[in-house]
């Protein structure tokens, strides 16, 4: 851009031609441009927020002039802290009241609860129908009649509607007794304590007062193991052992006939009679004495 037509020697001062916007106030300023080409564009200040009431679609530079319409009343339910212009009828004010439909004073038109809801009920802690959610005592409190509600108890209270744990059940409370009652909580003196002893009526030591056998019964019997009525469980001898009958004695052949007598001489004594065996019928043994000989 600084060409010198009369120069004969280049001094290195030539400036290259770079077209562009050279105006620093333009939005498209080009610091590298050496020749302004007329392309400079300058910003139009104005409100560039489309939600503002004074939005300028032609503005390219926001100048902070935007105005936003809305409710500027802090007491309104729709208060808008960003609004700078209060539009007519823009503010909405809440209707305060009880918004719980279960409450006695429910306000259907209310939009904001004011903590005034009233719930009727019994507010007395000691009552049987005490209602912890109630905020208004309606006089409905019912007080319980404490007592034993079990008709099987000795101290049953027919009018009681709340059991107080005082029921008394009488019976034998001794676990060692024959008539122990596990459901009893008050002993009535009826316990029957078992008496141990021999309950077998045929035993020598039978105890008529015993109601629990102690296994110590003693029976009389024959203690001789050779007897037919031997009783191994007997503890005392009865002296009545029985034995099998003795075997009959052995039979013997009939005695032999006598031998003919030899001739005798007048001086010879008569021959002796033949000797026979004698048997003891009570013992079945030979009674001939000496057991030696026989005929």
C-alpha atoms as a PDB file:
ATOM      1  CA  UNK A   1       0.000   0.000   0.000  1.00  0.00           C
ATOM      2  CA  UNK A   2       3.022   2.274   0.374  1.00  0.00           C
ATOM      3  CA  UNK A   3       4.571   1.604  -3.052  1.00  0.00           C
ATOM      4  CA  UNK A   4       6.898   4.420  -4.090  1.00  0.00           C
ATOM      5  CA  UNK A   5       7.193   4.647  -7.836  1.00  0.00           C
ATOM      6  CA  UNK A   6      10.357   6.817  -7.684  1.00  0.00           C
ATOM      7  CA  UNK A   7      12.249   4.471  -5.404  1.00  0.00           C
ATOM      8  CA  UNK A   8      15.130   2.511  -6.938  1.00  0.00           C
ATOM      9  CA  UNK A   9      16.216   0.538  -3.870  1.00  0.00           C
ATOM     10  CA  UNK A  10      13.762  -1.400  -1.630  1.00  0.00           C
ATOM     11  CA  UNK A  11      14.242  -0.444   1.966  1.00  0.00           C
ATOM     12  CA  UNK A  12      12.072  -3.216   3.409  1.00  0.00           C
ATOM     13  CA  UNK A  13       9.296  -0.863   4.400  1.00  0.00           C
ATOM     14  CA  UNK A  14       6.653  -2.261   2.108  1.00  0.00           C
ATOM     15  CA  UNK A  15       3.239  -2.890   3.744  1.00  0.00           C
ATOM     16  CA  UNK A  16       1.243  -5.748   2.267  1.00  0.00           C
ATOM     17  CA  UNK A  17      -2.253  -4.922   1.133  1.00  0.00           C
ATOM     18  CA  UNK A  18      -4.754  -6.717   3.480  1.00  0.00           C
ATOM     19  CA  UNK A  19      -8.380  -5.625   2.911  1.00  0.00           C
ATOM     20  CA  UNK A  20     -10.829  -5.574   5.846  1.00  0.00           C
ATOM     21  CA  UNK A  21     -12.553  -3.392   8.443  1.00  0.00           C
ATOM     22  CA  UNK A  22     -10.063  -1.170  10.109  1.00  0.00           C
ATOM     23  CA  UNK A  23     -12.509   0.669  12.388  1.00  0.00           C
ATOM     24  CA  UNK A  24     -12.000  -0.400  15.985  1.00  0.00           C
ATOM     25  CA  UNK A  25     -15.558   0.518  16.924  1.00  0.00           C
ATOM     26  CA  UNK A  26     -17.004  -1.848  14.367  1.00  0.00           C
ATOM     27  CA  UNK A  27     -18.217  -5.235  15.456  1.00  0.00           C
ATOM     28  CA  UNK A  28     -16.171  -6.800  12.628  1.00  0.00           C
ATOM     29  CA  UNK A  29     -12.947  -4.887  13.213  1.00  0.00           C
ATOM     30  CA  UNK A  30      -9.926  -6.728  11.728  1.00  0.00           C
ATOM     31  CA  UNK A  31      -6.635  -5.805  13.375  1.00  0.00           C
ATOM     32  CA  UNK A  32      -4.692  -7.460  10.557  1.00  0.00           C
ATOM     33  CA  UNK A  33      -6.353  -5.393   7.823  1.00  0.00           C
ATOM     34  CA  UNK A  34      -4.193  -2.708   6.206  1.00  0.00           C
ATOM     35  CA  UNK A  35      -6.763  -1.451   3.768  1.00  0.00           C
ATOM     36  CA  UNK A  36     -10.342  -0.650   4.811  1.00  0.00           C
ATOM     37  CA  UNK A  37     -12.626  -2.322   2.312  1.00  0.00           C
ATOM     38  CA  UNK A  38     -15.848  -0.662   3.534  1.00  0.00           C
ATOM     39  CA  UNK A  39     -17.144  -3.775   5.197  1.00  0.00           C
ATOM     40  CA  UNK A  40     -17.305  -2.354   8.740  1.00  0.00           C
ATOM     41  CA  UNK A  41     -20.517  -3.135  10.610  1.00  0.00           C
ATOM     42  CA  UNK A  42     -21.495  -1.188  13.666  1.00  0.00           C
ATOM     43  CA  UNK A  43     -23.665  -2.636  16.499  1.00  0.00           C
ATOM     44  CA  UNK A  44     -27.156  -1.360  17.177  1.00  0.00           C
ATOM     45  CA  UNK A  45     -27.713  -1.024  20.929  1.00  0.00           C
ATOM     46  CA  UNK A  46     -31.036  -2.068  22.414  1.00  0.00           C
ATOM     47  CA  UNK A  47     -32.806  -4.848  24.349  1.00  0.00           C
ATOM     48  CA  UNK A  48     -31.903  -8.237  22.984  1.00  0.00           C
ATOM     49  CA  UNK A  49     -34.012 -10.371  25.472  1.00  0.00           C
ATOM     50  CA  UNK A  50     -37.015 -11.785  23.634  1.00  0.00           C
ATOM     51  CA  UNK A  51     -39.020 -12.080  26.899  1.00  0.00           C
ATOM     52  CA  UNK A  52     -38.735  -8.352  27.598  1.00  0.00           C
ATOM     53  CA  UNK A  53     -41.564  -6.030  26.766  1.00  0.00           C
ATOM     54  CA  UNK A  54     -39.111  -3.745  24.885  1.00  0.00           C
ATOM     55  CA  UNK A  55     -37.281  -6.452  22.957  1.00  0.00           C
ATOM     56  CA  UNK A  56     -35.608  -5.012  19.791  1.00  0.00           C
ATOM     57  CA  UNK A  57     -35.066  -7.613  17.149  1.00  0.00           C
ATOM     58  CA  UNK A  58     -32.765  -5.266  15.234  1.00  0.00           C
ATOM     59  CA  UNK A  59     -30.465  -4.643  18.174  1.00  0.00           C
ATOM     60  CA  UNK A  60     -27.171  -6.491  18.112  1.00  0.00           C
ATOM     61  CA  UNK A  61     -25.777  -5.084  21.323  1.00  0.00           C
ATOM     62  CA  UNK A  62     -27.773  -5.370  24.581  1.00  0.00           C
ATOM     63  CA  UNK A  63     -27.683  -2.066  26.331  1.00  0.00           C
ATOM     64  CA  UNK A  64     -29.307  -3.260  29.596  1.00  0.00           C
ATOM     65  CA  UNK A  65     -32.545  -1.480  28.871  1.00  0.00           C
ATOM     66  CA  UNK A  66     -34.747  -4.601  28.897  1.00  0.00           C
ATOM     67  CA  UNK A  67     -37.960  -4.331  30.877  1.00  0.00           C
ATOM     68  CA  UNK A  68     -39.673  -7.502  32.186  1.00  0.00           C
ATOM     69  CA  UNK A  69     -43.339  -7.464  33.132  1.00  0.00           C
ATOM     70  CA  UNK A  70     -44.643  -9.484  36.083  1.00  0.00           C
ATOM     71  CA  UNK A  71     -45.903  -9.310  39.631  1.00  0.00           C
ATOM     72  CA  UNK A  72     -43.695  -7.055  41.668  1.00  0.00           C
ATOM     73  CA  UNK A  73     -45.738  -7.371  44.887  1.00  0.00           C
ATOM     74  CA  UNK A  74     -43.820  -9.473  47.427  1.00  0.00           C
ATOM     75  CA  UNK A  75     -47.072 -10.338  49.185  1.00  0.00           C
ATOM     76  CA  UNK A  76     -48.482 -12.075  46.122  1.00  0.00           C
ATOM     77  CA  UNK A  77     -48.268 -15.830  45.699  1.00  0.00           C
ATOM     78  CA  UNK A  78     -46.695 -15.318  42.235  1.00  0.00           C
ATOM     79  CA  UNK A  79     -44.218 -12.581  43.137  1.00  0.00           C
ATOM     80  CA  UNK A  80     -41.477 -12.328  40.465  1.00  0.00           C
ATOM     81  CA  UNK A  81     -38.226 -10.855  41.746  1.00  0.00           C
ATOM     82  CA  UNK A  82     -36.935 -10.387  38.196  1.00  0.00           C
ATOM     83  CA  UNK A  83     -39.923  -8.326  37.082  1.00  0.00           C
ATOM     84  CA  UNK A  84     -39.412  -4.570  36.695  1.00  0.00           C
ATOM     85  CA  UNK A  85     -42.851  -3.711  35.420  1.00  0.00           C
ATOM     86  CA  UNK A  86     -45.987  -4.670  37.315  1.00  0.00           C
ATOM     87  CA  UNK A  87     -48.569  -5.717  34.779  1.00  0.00           C
ATOM     88  CA  UNK A  88     -52.212  -4.979  35.656  1.00  0.00           C
ATOM     89  CA  UNK A  89     -53.807  -8.040  37.256  1.00  0.00           C
ATOM     90  CA  UNK A  90     -50.547  -9.953  37.148  1.00  0.00           C
ATOM     91  CA  UNK A  91     -50.353 -10.528  40.893  1.00  0.00           C
ATOM     92  CA  UNK A  92     -52.251 -13.468  42.421  1.00  0.00           C
ATOM     93  CA  UNK A  93     -52.910 -13.485  46.109  1.00  0.00           C
ATOM     94  CA  UNK A  94     -53.323 -16.780  48.031  1.00  0.00           C
ATOM     95  CA  UNK A  95     -56.539 -17.647  49.863  1.00  0.00           C
ATOM     96  CA  UNK A  96     -55.402 -18.848  53.241  1.00  0.00           C
ATOM     97  CA  UNK A  97     -57.375 -21.417  55.148  1.00  0.00           C
ATOM     98  CA  UNK A  98     -57.589 -25.137  55.997  1.00  0.00           C
ATOM     99  CA  UNK A  99     -56.890 -27.179  52.904  1.00  0.00           C
ATOM    100  CA  UNK A 100     -57.270 -30.647  54.546  1.00  0.00           C
ATOM    101  CA  UNK A 101     -60.603 -32.126  53.455  1.00  0.00           C
ATOM    102  CA  UNK A 102     -60.707 -34.320  56.580  1.00  0.00           C
ATOM    103  CA  UNK A 103     -60.752 -31.313  58.879  1.00  0.00           C
ATOM    104  CA  UNK A 104     -63.874 -29.952  60.471  1.00  0.00           C
ATOM    105  CA  UNK A 105     -63.186 -26.477  59.026  1.00  0.00           C
ATOM    106  CA  UNK A 106     -62.005 -27.480  55.564  1.00  0.00           C
ATOM    107  CA  UNK A 107     -62.047 -24.456  53.176  1.00  0.00           C
ATOM    108  CA  UNK A 108     -62.508 -25.610  49.608  1.00  0.00           C
ATOM    109  CA  UNK A 109     -61.513 -22.212  48.154  1.00  0.00           C
ATOM    110  CA  UNK A 110     -58.293 -22.010  50.159  1.00  0.00           C
ATOM    111  CA  UNK A 111     -55.051 -22.276  48.228  1.00  0.00           C
ATOM    112  CA  UNK A 112     -52.638 -21.953  51.131  1.00  0.00           C
ATOM    113  CA  UNK A 113     -52.907 -23.767  54.451  1.00  0.00           C
ATOM    114  CA  UNK A 114     -52.885 -21.444  57.435  1.00  0.00           C
ATOM    115  CA  UNK A 115     -52.536 -24.160  60.081  1.00  0.00           C
ATOM    116  CA  UNK A 116     -56.088 -23.692  61.306  1.00  0.00           C
ATOM    117  CA  UNK A 117     -57.387 -27.185  60.513  1.00  0.00           C
ATOM    118  CA  UNK A 118     -59.474 -28.633  63.335  1.00  0.00           C
ATOM    119  CA  UNK A 119     -59.740 -32.372  63.883  1.00  0.00           C
ATOM    120  CA  UNK A 120     -62.326 -33.361  66.490  1.00  0.00           C
ATOM    121  CA  UNK A 121     -61.701 -36.281  68.830  1.00  0.00           C
ATOM    122  CA  UNK A 122     -60.765 -37.291  72.335  1.00  0.00           C
ATOM    123  CA  UNK A 123     -57.686 -35.413  73.490  1.00  0.00           C
ATOM    124  CA  UNK A 124     -57.434 -36.844  77.015  1.00  0.00           C
ATOM    125  CA  UNK A 125     -54.436 -39.167  77.213  1.00  0.00           C
ATOM    126  CA  UNK A 126     -55.959 -41.406  79.891  1.00  0.00           C
ATOM    127  CA  UNK A 127     -59.082 -42.175  77.865  1.00  0.00           C
ATOM    128  CA  UNK A 128     -59.619 -45.512  76.135  1.00  0.00           C
ATOM    129  CA  UNK A 129     -60.338 -43.719  72.831  1.00  0.00           C
ATOM    130  CA  UNK A 130     -57.574 -41.116  73.038  1.00  0.00           C
ATOM    131  CA  UNK A 131     -56.798 -39.695  69.562  1.00  0.00           C
ATOM    132  CA  UNK A 132     -53.296 -38.264  69.191  1.00  0.00           C
ATOM    133  CA  UNK A 133     -54.276 -36.559  65.904  1.00  0.00           C
ATOM    134  CA  UNK A 134     -57.190 -34.663  67.399  1.00  0.00           C
ATOM    135  CA  UNK A 135     -56.869 -30.869  67.783  1.00  0.00           C
ATOM    136  CA  UNK A 136     -60.379 -30.226  69.075  1.00  0.00           C
ATOM    137  CA  UNK A 137     -61.774 -32.108  72.069  1.00  0.00           C
ATOM    138  CA  UNK A 138     -65.303 -33.164  71.126  1.00  0.00           C
ATOM    139  CA  UNK A 139     -66.300 -34.646  74.491  1.00  0.00           C
ATOM    140  CA  UNK A 140     -66.262 -38.212  73.195  1.00  0.00           C
ATOM    141  CA  UNK A 141     -63.674 -39.513  75.657  1.00  0.00           C
ATOM    142  CA  UNK A 142     -64.426 -42.920  77.155  1.00  0.00           C
ATOM    143  CA  UNK A 143     -62.575 -44.094  80.224  1.00  0.00           C
ATOM    144  CA  UNK A 144     -61.895 -47.810  80.600  1.00  0.00           C
ATOM    145  CA  UNK A 145     -63.024 -49.905  83.563  1.00  0.00           C
ATOM    146  CA  UNK A 146     -59.947 -51.879  84.567  1.00  0.00           C
ATOM    147  CA  UNK A 147     -60.225 -55.378  85.991  1.00  0.00           C
ATOM    148  CA  UNK A 148     -59.998 -59.085  85.224  1.00  0.00           C
ATOM    149  CA  UNK A 149     -61.915 -59.848  82.032  1.00  0.00           C
ATOM    150  CA  UNK A 150     -61.423 -63.649  82.080  1.00  0.00           C
ATOM    151  CA  UNK A 151     -64.620 -65.328  83.237  1.00  0.00           C
ATOM    152  CA  UNK A 152     -62.617 -68.377  84.322  1.00  0.00           C
ATOM    153  CA  UNK A 153     -60.689 -66.407  86.929  1.00  0.00           C
ATOM    154  CA  UNK A 154     -61.707 -66.319  90.585  1.00  0.00           C
ATOM    155  CA  UNK A 155     -61.696 -62.492  90.567  1.00  0.00           C
ATOM    156  CA  UNK A 156     -63.520 -61.982  87.256  1.00  0.00           C
ATOM    157  CA  UNK A 157     -65.098 -58.501  86.948  1.00  0.00           C
ATOM    158  CA  UNK A 158     -68.162 -58.706  84.644  1.00  0.00           C
ATOM    159  CA  UNK A 159     -68.223 -54.965  83.908  1.00  0.00           C
ATOM    160  CA  UNK A 160     -64.519 -54.577  83.128  1.00  0.00           C
ATOM    161  CA  UNK A 161     -63.676 -53.692  79.537  1.00  0.00           C
ATOM    162  CA  UNK A 162     -59.894 -53.468  79.891  1.00  0.00           C
ATOM    163  CA  UNK A 163     -57.910 -56.318  81.406  1.00  0.00           C
ATOM    164  CA  UNK A 164     -55.382 -55.107  83.970  1.00  0.00           C
ATOM    165  CA  UNK A 165     -53.519 -58.412  84.304  1.00  0.00           C
ATOM    166  CA  UNK A 166     -54.903 -59.082  87.783  1.00  0.00           C
ATOM    167  CA  UNK A 167     -56.738 -62.337  86.978  1.00  0.00           C
ATOM    168  CA  UNK A 168     -56.308 -65.030  89.646  1.00  0.00           C
ATOM    169  CA  UNK A 169     -56.511 -68.724  88.721  1.00  0.00           C
ATOM    170  CA  UNK A 170     -56.508 -71.014  91.752  1.00  0.00           C
ATOM    171  CA  UNK A 171     -55.201 -74.553  91.791  1.00  0.00           C
ATOM    172  CA  UNK A 172     -52.226 -76.655  92.778  1.00  0.00           C
ATOM    173  CA  UNK A 173     -48.962 -74.876  91.918  1.00  0.00           C
ATOM    174  CA  UNK A 174     -46.600 -77.590  93.222  1.00  0.00           C
ATOM    175  CA  UNK A 175     -44.942 -79.196  90.191  1.00  0.00           C
ATOM    176  CA  UNK A 176     -44.219 -82.323  92.244  1.00  0.00           C
ATOM    177  CA  UNK A 177     -47.897 -82.856  93.057  1.00  0.00           C
ATOM    178  CA  UNK A 178     -50.061 -85.376  91.248  1.00  0.00           C
ATOM    179  CA  UNK A 179     -52.669 -82.701  90.521  1.00  0.00           C
ATOM    180  CA  UNK A 180     -50.301 -79.903  89.470  1.00  0.00           C
ATOM    181  CA  UNK A 181     -52.139 -77.227  87.455  1.00  0.00           C
ATOM    182  CA  UNK A 182     -49.862 -75.342  85.049  1.00  0.00           C
ATOM    183  CA  UNK A 183     -52.495 -72.650  84.479  1.00  0.00           C
ATOM    184  CA  UNK A 184     -52.859 -71.819  88.185  1.00  0.00           C
ATOM    185  CA  UNK A 185     -51.119 -68.728  89.565  1.00  0.00           C
ATOM    186  CA  UNK A 186     -52.485 -68.962  93.130  1.00  0.00           C
ATOM    187  CA  UNK A 187     -52.146 -72.111  95.219  1.00  0.00           C
ATOM    188  CA  UNK A 188     -55.415 -73.231  96.833  1.00  0.00           C
ATOM    189  CA  UNK A 189     -53.910 -75.907  99.108  1.00  0.00           C
ATOM    190  CA  UNK A 190     -55.329 -78.753  97.063  1.00  0.00           C
ATOM    191  CA  UNK A 191     -51.980 -80.259  96.075  1.00  0.00           C
ATOM    192  CA  UNK A 192     -51.727 -84.038  96.368  1.00  0.00           C
ATOM    193  CA  UNK A 193     -48.110 -85.097  96.820  1.00  0.00           C
ATOM    194  CA  UNK A 194     -47.599 -88.746  95.723  1.00  0.00           C
ATOM    195  CA  UNK A 195     -46.586 -91.338  98.360  1.00  0.00           C
ATOM    196  CA  UNK A 196     -44.008 -93.772  97.023  1.00  0.00           C
ATOM    197  CA  UNK A 197     -44.125 -97.427  98.056  1.00  0.00           C
ATOM    198  CA  UNK A 198     -45.082-100.917  96.972  1.00  0.00           C
ATOM    199  CA  UNK A 199     -48.488-100.861  95.309  1.00  0.00           C
ATOM    200  CA  UNK A 200     -48.716-104.618  94.537  1.00  0.00           C
ATOM    201  CA  UNK A 201     -51.321-106.083  96.882  1.00  0.00           C
ATOM    202  CA  UNK A 202     -49.717-109.574  96.773  1.00  0.00           C
ATOM    203  CA  UNK A 203     -46.317-108.298  97.864  1.00  0.00           C
ATOM    204  CA  UNK A 204     -45.038-108.882 101.369  1.00  0.00           C
ATOM    205  CA  UNK A 205     -44.392-105.138 101.789  1.00  0.00           C
ATOM    206  CA  UNK A 206     -47.600-103.855 100.138  1.00  0.00           C
ATOM    207  CA  UNK A 207     -48.319-100.266 101.215  1.00  0.00           C
ATOM    208  CA  UNK A 208     -52.009 -99.420 101.063  1.00  0.00           C
ATOM    209  CA  UNK A 209     -51.222 -95.692 101.383  1.00  0.00           C
ATOM    210  CA  UNK A 210     -48.796 -95.635  98.461  1.00  0.00           C
ATOM    211  CA  UNK A 211     -50.059 -94.204  95.182  1.00  0.00           C
ATOM    212  CA  UNK A 212     -46.754 -94.354  93.262  1.00  0.00           C
ATOM    213  CA  UNK A 213     -44.920 -97.666  92.983  1.00  0.00           C
ATOM    214  CA  UNK A 214     -41.252 -97.330  93.914  1.00  0.00           C
ATOM    215  CA  UNK A 215     -40.207-100.658  92.413  1.00  0.00           C
ATOM    216  CA  UNK A 216     -39.306-102.085  95.820  1.00  0.00           C
ATOM    217  CA  UNK A 217     -42.042-104.735  96.128  1.00  0.00           C
ATOM    218  CA  UNK A 218     -40.881-107.997  97.715  1.00  0.00           C
ATOM    219  CA  UNK A 219     -42.649-111.281  96.909  1.00  0.00           C
ATOM    220  CA  UNK A 220     -42.422-114.645  98.723  1.00  0.00           C
ATOM    221  CA  UNK A 221     -41.781-117.791  96.702  1.00  0.00           C
ATOM    222  CA  UNK A 222     -39.694-120.873  96.202  1.00  0.00           C
ATOM    223  CA  UNK A 223     -35.997-120.071  96.022  1.00  0.00           C
ATOM    224  CA  UNK A 224     -34.826-123.623  95.121  1.00  0.00           C
ATOM    225  CA  UNK A 225     -33.890-123.674  91.437  1.00  0.00           C
ATOM    226  CA  UNK A 226     -34.480-127.475  91.388  1.00  0.00           C
ATOM    227  CA  UNK A 227     -38.120-127.082  92.361  1.00  0.00           C
ATOM    228  CA  UNK A 228     -40.880-127.021  89.767  1.00  0.00           C
ATOM    229  CA  UNK A 229     -42.276-123.804  91.248  1.00  0.00           C
ATOM    230  CA  UNK A 230     -38.929-122.004  91.478  1.00  0.00           C
ATOM    231  CA  UNK A 231     -39.486-118.235  91.422  1.00  0.00           C
ATOM    232  CA  UNK A 232     -36.321-116.244  90.513  1.00  0.00           C
ATOM    233  CA  UNK A 233     -38.036-112.924  91.335  1.00  0.00           C
ATOM    234  CA  UNK A 234     -38.943-113.941  94.865  1.00  0.00           C
ATOM    235  CA  UNK A 235     -37.068-112.096  97.572  1.00  0.00           C
ATOM    236  CA  UNK A 236     -38.202-114.211 100.525  1.00  0.00           C
ATOM    237  CA  UNK A 237     -38.593-117.990 100.694  1.00  0.00           C
ATOM    238  CA  UNK A 238     -42.142-119.172 101.201  1.00  0.00           C
ATOM    239  CA  UNK A 239     -41.003-122.688 102.167  1.00  0.00           C
ATOM    240  CA  UNK A 240     -43.471-124.161  99.683  1.00  0.00           C
ATOM    241  CA  UNK A 241     -41.193-125.629  97.009  1.00  0.00           C
ATOM    242  CA  UNK A 242     -42.669-128.468  94.917  1.00  0.00           C
ATOM    243  CA  UNK A 243     -40.716-131.233  93.304  1.00  0.00           C
ATOM    244  CA  UNK A 244     -41.439-133.888  90.677  1.00  0.00           C
ATOM    245  CA  UNK A 245     -42.639-137.286  92.096  1.00  0.00           C
ATOM    246  CA  UNK A 246     -39.792-139.867  92.517  1.00  0.00           C
ATOM    247  CA  UNK A 247     -39.413-142.563  89.810  1.00  0.00           C
ATOM    248  CA  UNK A 248     -40.944-145.984  90.612  1.00  0.00           C
ATOM    249  CA  UNK A 249     -38.490-148.690  91.730  1.00  0.00           C
ATOM    250  CA  UNK A 250     -37.076-150.933  88.959  1.00  0.00           C
ATOM    251  CA  UNK A 251     -38.953-154.184  88.334  1.00  0.00           C
ATOM    252  CA  UNK A 252     -37.154-157.520  89.118  1.00  0.00           C
ATOM    253  CA  UNK A 253     -37.604-160.927  87.484  1.00  0.00           C
ATOM    254  CA  UNK A 254     -39.542-163.493  89.519  1.00  0.00           C
ATOM    255  CA  UNK A 255     -37.433-165.683  91.749  1.00  0.00           C
ATOM    256  CA  UNK A 256     -36.065-168.866  90.222  1.00  0.00           C
ATOM    257  CA  UNK A 257     -37.727-172.119  91.243  1.00  0.00           C
ATOM    258  CA  UNK A 258     -35.782-174.051  93.883  1.00  0.00           C
ATOM    259  CA  UNK A 259     -33.329-176.615  92.681  1.00  0.00           C
ATOM    260  CA  UNK A 260     -34.043-180.226  93.464  1.00  0.00           C
ATOM    261  CA  UNK A 261     -32.518-181.247  96.749  1.00  0.00           C
ATOM    262  CA  UNK A 262     -29.704-183.746  96.613  1.00  0.00           C
ATOM    263  CA  UNK A 263     -30.121-186.903  98.522  1.00  0.00           C
ATOM    264  CA  UNK A 264     -29.429-186.372 102.134  1.00  0.00           C
ATOM    265  CA  UNK A 265     -27.898-188.575 104.635  1.00  0.00           C
ATOM    266  CA  UNK A 266     -29.353-188.916 108.025  1.00  0.00           C
ATOM    267  CA  UNK A 267     -26.424-187.113 109.488  1.00  0.00           C
ATOM    268  CA  UNK A 268     -26.444-184.181 106.976  1.00  0.00           C
ATOM    269  CA  UNK A 269     -28.282-180.934 107.842  1.00  0.00           C
ATOM    270  CA  UNK A 270     -31.072-179.767 105.535  1.00  0.00           C
ATOM    271  CA  UNK A 271     -29.958-177.584 102.627  1.00  0.00           C
ATOM    272  CA  UNK A 272     -30.329-173.851 103.126  1.00  0.00           C
ATOM    273  CA  UNK A 273     -33.007-172.024 101.167  1.00  0.00           C
ATOM    274  CA  UNK A 274     -31.707-169.960  98.182  1.00  0.00           C
ATOM    275  CA  UNK A 275     -30.945-166.283  99.076  1.00  0.00           C
ATOM    276  CA  UNK A 276     -33.125-163.595  97.408  1.00  0.00           C
ATOM    277  CA  UNK A 277     -32.485-159.853  96.925  1.00  0.00           C
ATOM    278  CA  UNK A 278     -34.509-157.536  99.201  1.00  0.00           C
ATOM    279  CA  UNK A 279     -35.572-154.118  97.836  1.00  0.00           C
ATOM    280  CA  UNK A 280     -36.359-151.050  99.971  1.00  0.00           C
ATOM    281  CA  UNK A 281     -39.471-149.750  98.312  1.00  0.00           C
ATOM    282  CA  UNK A 282     -39.018-146.365 100.000  1.00  0.00           C
ATOM    283  CA  UNK A 283     -35.619-145.737  98.436  1.00  0.00           C
ATOM    284  CA  UNK A 284     -35.542-148.139  95.508  1.00  0.00           C
ATOM    285  CA  UNK A 285     -32.167-149.553  96.643  1.00  0.00           C
ATOM    286  CA  UNK A 286     -30.968-152.992  97.395  1.00  0.00           C
ATOM    287  CA  UNK A 287     -31.521-153.741 101.108  1.00  0.00           C
ATOM    288  CA  UNK A 288     -29.645-157.021 101.218  1.00  0.00           C
ATOM    289  CA  UNK A 289     -26.778-155.455 103.116  1.00  0.00           C
ATOM    290  CA  UNK A 290     -23.355-155.159 101.687  1.00  0.00           C
ATOM    291  CA  UNK A 291     -24.544-155.095  98.084  1.00  0.00           C
ATOM    292  CA  UNK A 292     -22.345-158.087  97.395  1.00  0.00           C
ATOM    293  CA  UNK A 293     -23.863-161.104  96.324  1.00  0.00           C
ATOM    294  CA  UNK A 294     -26.996-162.658  95.183  1.00  0.00           C
ATOM    295  CA  UNK A 295     -27.827-166.038  94.478  1.00  0.00           C
END
